[in-house]
Amino acid sequence: MAHSHILVGASEHAAGPEVRRIAPSDLAEALRKGYEDFSAVPSHALFLCLIYPAIGILVAGLTLGYALVPLLFPAAAGFALIGPFAAIGLYELSRRREAGHDVSAMDAFEVLRSPSLGAILSLGLLLMTIFLIWMAVAHAIYVSYFGYGSPQSIGQFMRDLFATESGWKLIAVGNGVGLLFALAALLISVVSFPLLLDRDVGAAVAMLTSLRVVAKNPLTMGLWGLIVAGLLVLGTLPFFLGLAVVLPVLGHATWHLYRRVVVAERSPRADFRPQPSGRRYAAEFPVSLFKRNQDV
């Protein structure tokens, strides 16, 4: 029974939400509203997202210190595959702000009480699996052109990559295969996580809805994928610090994109928990995340 709920949610039949056709102007509007959300609650967005640049720098340091230099770029690019899941807290902030509620940093953790939490975690695990498969494939592609030996230095790796025929083949094949992985992630997750946060529909229905969104808007969704990829590349400069702005803006924008492409329910779920009164202290974290509101 629990497995059935994770797949199709509370409904006994997996009738997917209605989707609409959108234009590139809708993408611009979603980005504009995403930036507005980020501007309205920048401290909250940074609280959630500064960890990702830190992880990027840590991964870079570990990679440069060992024989994994060829996997640095695939690892950085692969973060886009798990980005929709990583931004789940940002969707919650946008959802609450859209409903006219006061937003605090702790609100992002209300996803832990979502009735769709099982489906959210299951879909997140699927994206993580895709990421790990991509890393294994990227390593296999490198080995096929340069063997199992490791570059002696970063300079040698760069020369092998840009000054040899094998290097250019590696770039072409690696980017082509990476594009296929990115497309797979886009197909199953472009609106899946915002939908699961908004409605108790289950992981299967959420993925099918994402597929229908892309099928109905192939060019616009393709443009969205390019926008996300381009902004993530910019966000890695310098030293991944730009992701502290790019990630929250894209996260908030994804929520507004979902709102524009999926028709809203006539009777939306009203499950916002009232905020406790009084001053909140940093020392209460993380215990305060798990306190039950006695009035609920």
Protein backbone atom coordinates (compact mmCIF):
# COMPACT_ATOMS: atom_id res chain seq x y z
CA MET A 1 0.00 0.00 0.00
CA ALA A 2 2.87 2.33 0.88
CA HIS A 3 4.56 1.56 -2.44
CA SER A 4 1.32 2.36 -4.27
CA HIS A 5 1.10 5.74 -2.51
CA ILE A 6 4.68 6.58 -3.50
CA LEU A 7 3.89 5.82 -7.14
CA VAL A 8 0.42 7.34 -7.60
CA GLY A 9 -0.18 9.39 -4.47
CA ALA A 10 -3.48 9.63 -2.65
CA SER A 11 -5.58 9.15 -5.77
CA GLU A 12 -6.74 5.66 -6.71
CA HIS A 13 -6.27 6.45 -10.39
CA ALA A 14 -3.22 8.09 -11.91
CA ALA A 15 -4.99 10.82 -13.85
CA GLY A 16 -2.28 13.36 -14.53
CA PRO A 17 -2.68 17.11 -14.11
CA GLU A 18 -3.58 19.20 -17.15
CA VAL A 19 -0.63 20.82 -18.90
CA ARG A 20 -0.65 23.82 -21.21
CA ARG A 21 1.49 25.10 -24.04
CA ILE A 22 3.92 27.90 -23.16
CA ALA A 23 6.26 30.20 -25.09
CA PRO A 24 9.83 31.45 -24.52
CA SER A 25 8.31 34.58 -22.98
CA ASP A 26 6.99 32.36 -20.17
CA LEU A 27 10.55 31.25 -19.45
CA ALA A 28 11.63 34.88 -19.16
CA GLU A 29 8.73 35.55 -16.81
CA ALA A 30 9.61 32.53 -14.67
CA LEU A 31 13.21 33.73 -14.40
CA ARG A 32 12.03 37.23 -13.51
CA LYS A 33 9.81 35.93 -10.73
CA GLY A 34 12.56 33.60 -9.58
CA TYR A 35 14.89 36.56 -9.21
CA GLU A 36 12.18 38.45 -7.33
CA ASP A 37 11.89 35.57 -4.86
CA PHE A 38 15.66 35.49 -4.44
CA SER A 39 15.75 39.26 -3.91
CA ALA A 40 12.94 39.07 -1.35
CA VAL A 41 14.59 36.32 0.72
CA PRO A 42 18.30 36.36 -0.22
CA SER A 43 19.52 35.28 3.20
CA HIS A 44 17.27 32.26 3.14
CA ALA A 45 18.34 31.27 -0.35
CA LEU A 46 22.00 31.64 0.55
CA PHE A 47 21.43 29.64 3.74
CA LEU A 48 20.29 26.75 1.57
CA CYS A 49 22.66 27.13 -1.36
CA LEU A 50 26.05 28.20 -0.06
CA ILE A 51 26.66 24.55 0.74
CA TYR A 52 26.70 23.69 -2.96
CA PRO A 53 29.59 25.99 -3.92
CA ALA A 54 31.39 24.62 -0.85
CA ILE A 55 30.82 21.08 -2.08
CA GLY A 56 32.02 22.08 -5.53
CA ILE A 57 35.24 23.55 -4.15
CA LEU A 58 35.76 20.48 -1.96
CA VAL A 59 35.24 18.13 -4.88
CA ALA A 60 37.63 20.19 -7.00
CA GLY A 61 40.26 20.09 -4.28
CA LEU A 62 40.00 16.35 -3.79
CA THR A 63 40.00 15.73 -7.51
CA LEU A 64 43.04 17.89 -8.19
CA GLY A 65 44.87 16.18 -5.38
CA TYR A 66 44.44 12.68 -6.77
CA ALA A 67 44.28 10.89 -10.10
CA LEU A 68 40.69 11.93 -10.86
CA VAL A 69 41.39 15.10 -12.82
CA PRO A 70 39.61 13.79 -15.96
CA LEU A 71 36.38 13.43 -13.94
CA LEU A 72 36.35 17.01 -12.64
CA PHE A 73 34.33 18.40 -15.54
CA PRO A 74 31.86 15.45 -15.68
CA ALA A 75 31.30 15.80 -11.91
CA ALA A 76 30.67 19.55 -12.15
CA ALA A 77 28.35 19.10 -15.14
CA GLY A 78 26.61 16.21 -13.43
CA PHE A 79 25.39 18.42 -10.61
CA ALA A 80 22.76 19.66 -13.06
CA LEU A 81 21.28 16.15 -13.03
CA ILE A 82 20.51 16.30 -9.31
CA GLY A 83 19.78 20.02 -9.21
CA PRO A 84 15.96 19.63 -9.38
CA PHE A 85 16.05 17.54 -6.21
CA ALA A 86 18.62 19.74 -4.44
CA ALA A 87 16.37 22.78 -4.92
CA ILE A 88 13.32 21.25 -3.23
CA GLY A 89 13.52 23.66 -0.29
CA LEU A 90 13.55 26.64 -2.65
CA TYR A 91 10.30 25.47 -4.26
CA GLU A 92 8.73 25.47 -0.80
CA LEU A 93 9.84 29.04 -0.15
CA SER A 94 8.38 30.18 -3.47
CA ARG A 95 5.16 28.25 -2.82
CA ARG A 96 4.67 29.97 0.51
CA ARG A 97 5.57 33.41 -0.78
CA GLU A 98 3.17 32.96 -3.70
CA ALA A 99 0.38 32.15 -1.21
CA GLY A 100 1.07 35.40 0.64
CA HIS A 101 2.64 33.86 3.75
CA ASP A 102 5.58 35.27 5.65
CA VAL A 103 8.65 33.23 4.70
CA SER A 104 11.43 32.16 7.04
CA ALA A 105 14.43 29.94 6.45
CA MET A 106 12.87 27.13 8.50
CA ASP A 107 9.96 26.96 6.07
CA ALA A 108 12.22 25.24 3.55
CA PHE A 109 12.34 22.21 5.84
CA GLU A 110 8.57 21.82 5.85
CA VAL A 111 9.13 19.47 2.91
CA LEU A 112 10.08 16.90 5.56
CA ARG A 113 6.41 16.85 6.57
CA SER A 114 5.03 16.68 3.04
CA PRO A 115 2.66 13.76 2.33
CA SER A 116 4.66 13.29 -0.87
CA LEU A 117 8.00 12.91 0.95
CA GLY A 118 8.35 9.24 -0.02
CA ALA A 119 7.80 10.04 -3.68
CA ILE A 120 10.19 13.02 -3.50
CA LEU A 121 12.94 10.88 -1.99
CA SER A 122 12.34 8.07 -4.49
CA LEU A 123 12.61 10.43 -7.44
CA GLY A 124 15.68 12.05 -5.89
CA LEU A 125 17.27 8.62 -5.58
CA LEU A 126 16.54 8.01 -9.27
CA LEU A 127 18.33 11.25 -10.22
CA MET A 128 21.27 10.32 -8.01
CA THR A 129 21.46 6.94 -9.75
CA ILE A 130 21.50 8.68 -13.13
CA PHE A 131 24.32 10.91 -11.87
CA LEU A 132 26.40 7.92 -10.72
CA ILE A 133 25.83 6.11 -14.01
CA TRP A 134 26.94 9.25 -15.86
CA MET A 135 30.16 9.36 -13.83
CA ALA A 136 30.88 5.71 -14.64
CA VAL A 137 30.19 6.28 -18.34
CA ALA A 138 32.35 9.43 -18.39
CA HIS A 139 35.23 7.46 -16.89
CA ALA A 140 34.77 4.68 -19.44
CA ILE A 141 34.85 7.21 -22.29
CA TYR A 142 38.11 8.70 -20.98
CA VAL A 143 39.68 5.25 -20.62
CA SER A 144 38.69 4.34 -24.17
CA TYR A 145 40.80 7.23 -25.53
CA PHE A 146 43.63 7.55 -23.00
CA GLY A 147 43.75 4.23 -21.19
CA TYR A 148 43.87 3.66 -17.46
CA GLY A 149 46.93 5.80 -16.88
CA SER A 150 46.51 9.11 -15.05
CA PRO A 151 47.85 12.46 -16.33
CA GLN A 152 51.06 13.51 -14.63
CA SER A 153 49.84 17.05 -14.16
CA ILE A 154 46.95 19.37 -14.92
CA GLY A 155 49.02 20.91 -17.71
CA GLN A 156 49.53 17.54 -19.34
CA PHE A 157 45.83 16.78 -19.10
CA MET A 158 44.97 20.09 -20.77
CA ARG A 159 47.48 19.43 -23.56
CA ASP A 160 46.10 15.92 -24.07
CA LEU A 161 42.59 17.32 -24.18
CA PHE A 162 43.06 20.26 -26.56
CA ALA A 163 46.20 19.41 -28.53
CA THR A 164 45.53 15.83 -29.59
CA GLU A 165 43.03 14.13 -31.87
CA SER A 166 42.00 11.81 -29.03
CA GLY A 167 41.33 14.81 -26.84
CA TRP A 168 38.98 16.41 -29.35
CA LYS A 169 37.19 13.09 -29.84
CA LEU A 170 36.83 12.84 -26.06
CA ILE A 171 35.29 16.31 -25.94
CA ALA A 172 32.85 15.53 -28.75
CA VAL A 173 31.77 12.12 -27.49
CA GLY A 174 31.70 13.15 -23.83
CA ASN A 175 29.53 16.17 -24.49
CA GLY A 176 27.25 14.18 -26.76
CA VAL A 177 26.70 11.43 -24.21
CA GLY A 178 26.36 13.99 -21.43
CA LEU A 179 23.63 15.70 -23.42
CA LEU A 180 21.68 12.44 -23.49
CA PHE A 181 21.90 12.13 -19.71
CA ALA A 182 20.83 15.75 -19.30
CA LEU A 183 17.88 15.14 -21.62
CA ALA A 184 16.83 12.10 -19.60
CA ALA A 185 16.95 14.11 -16.38
CA LEU A 186 14.99 16.96 -17.99
CA LEU A 187 12.29 14.60 -19.27
CA ILE A 188 11.55 13.09 -15.88
CA SER A 189 12.12 16.04 -13.57
CA VAL A 190 11.40 19.37 -15.28
CA VAL A 191 8.24 19.88 -13.14
CA SER A 192 8.19 16.66 -11.08
CA PHE A 193 9.42 18.00 -7.75
CA PRO A 194 7.31 21.20 -7.71
CA LEU A 195 4.29 19.05 -8.62
CA LEU A 196 4.99 16.58 -5.80
CA LEU A 197 5.37 19.47 -3.38
CA ASP A 198 2.12 21.02 -4.54
CA ARG A 199 0.00 17.86 -4.87
CA ASP A 200 0.02 14.33 -3.50
CA VAL A 201 0.16 12.65 -6.92
CA GLY A 202 3.02 10.14 -6.56
CA ALA A 203 6.34 9.76 -8.35
CA ALA A 204 4.95 7.94 -11.41
CA VAL A 205 2.34 10.61 -12.09
CA ALA A 206 4.91 13.38 -11.53
CA MET A 207 7.32 11.84 -14.06
CA LEU A 208 4.56 11.27 -16.61
CA THR A 209 3.46 14.87 -16.19
CA SER A 210 7.01 16.06 -16.86
CA LEU A 211 7.12 13.91 -20.00
CA ARG A 212 3.82 15.40 -21.16
CA VAL A 213 5.10 18.92 -20.50
CA VAL A 214 8.19 18.31 -22.65
CA ALA A 215 6.16 16.55 -25.36
CA LYS A 216 3.74 19.49 -25.57
CA ASN A 217 6.51 22.12 -25.46
CA PRO A 218 9.60 20.49 -27.03
CA LEU A 219 11.25 23.65 -28.31
CA THR A 220 10.48 25.75 -25.23
CA MET A 221 11.65 23.03 -22.86
CA GLY A 222 14.77 22.53 -24.95
CA LEU A 223 15.45 26.25 -24.62
CA TRP A 224 14.90 25.97 -20.87
CA GLY A 225 17.48 23.20 -20.69
CA LEU A 226 19.99 25.37 -22.54
CA ILE A 227 19.28 28.31 -20.23
CA VAL A 228 19.81 26.15 -17.15
CA ALA A 229 23.04 24.70 -18.56
CA GLY A 230 24.37 28.13 -19.53
CA LEU A 231 23.58 29.69 -16.15
CA LEU A 232 25.17 26.76 -14.32
CA VAL A 233 28.35 27.21 -16.35
CA LEU A 234 28.39 30.90 -15.44
CA GLY A 235 27.73 29.95 -11.83
CA THR A 236 30.93 27.93 -11.63
CA LEU A 237 32.91 31.17 -12.11
CA PRO A 238 34.85 31.99 -10.10
CA PHE A 239 35.48 28.81 -8.10
CA PHE A 240 31.79 27.82 -8.03
CA LEU A 241 30.88 30.91 -5.98
CA GLY A 242 28.44 32.11 -8.62
CA LEU A 243 26.25 29.11 -7.80
CA ALA A 244 25.24 30.90 -4.60
CA VAL A 245 23.14 33.16 -6.84
CA VAL A 246 22.44 30.93 -9.85
CA LEU A 247 21.10 27.95 -7.89
CA PRO A 248 18.48 29.83 -5.86
CA VAL A 249 17.33 31.89 -8.84
CA LEU A 250 16.92 28.75 -10.96
CA GLY A 251 15.23 26.95 -8.09
CA HIS A 252 12.66 29.69 -7.57
CA ALA A 253 12.22 30.07 -11.33
CA THR A 254 11.48 26.36 -11.69
CA TRP A 255 8.57 26.73 -9.30
CA HIS A 256 7.13 29.58 -11.39
CA LEU A 257 7.74 27.60 -14.59
CA TYR A 258 5.69 24.78 -13.07
CA ARG A 259 2.90 27.25 -12.30
CA ARG A 260 2.84 28.47 -15.90
CA VAL A 261 2.89 25.07 -17.59
CA VAL A 262 0.68 22.98 -15.24
CA VAL A 263 -2.92 24.06 -14.76
CA ALA A 264 -3.61 24.80 -11.09
CA GLU A 265 -6.11 22.79 -9.09
CA ARG A 266 -9.48 24.36 -8.48
CA SER A 267 -9.25 23.43 -4.80
CA PRO A 268 -5.54 23.58 -3.89
CA ARG A 269 -4.25 21.81 -0.81
CA ALA A 270 -4.15 24.16 2.19
CA ASP A 271 -1.47 22.63 4.37
CA PHE A 272 0.66 25.58 5.43
CA ARG A 273 1.62 25.32 9.07
CA PRO A 274 1.23 28.53 11.09
CA GLN A 275 4.48 30.13 12.14
CA PRO A 276 5.17 30.09 15.90
CA SER A 277 5.16 33.50 17.49
CA GLY A 278 8.12 34.97 19.30
CA ARG A 279 11.78 35.32 18.46
CA ARG A 280 13.61 32.36 16.94
CA TYR A 281 17.25 31.74 17.88
CA ALA A 282 20.00 30.08 15.90
CA ALA A 283 20.68 27.80 18.88
CA GLU A 284 17.29 26.16 18.26
CA PHE A 285 18.57 24.70 14.99
CA PRO A 286 18.26 21.83 14.10
CA VAL A 287 16.01 20.73 16.98
CA SER A 288 13.38 23.27 15.95
CA LEU A 289 12.96 21.52 12.61
CA PHE A 290 11.32 18.55 14.30
CA LYS A 291 9.19 20.25 16.91
CA ARG A 292 5.52 19.63 16.47
CA ASN A 293 3.19 22.57 16.57
CA GLN A 294 0.81 21.86 19.43
CA ASP A 295 -2.00 23.79 17.74
CA VAL A 296 -2.04 21.53 14.66
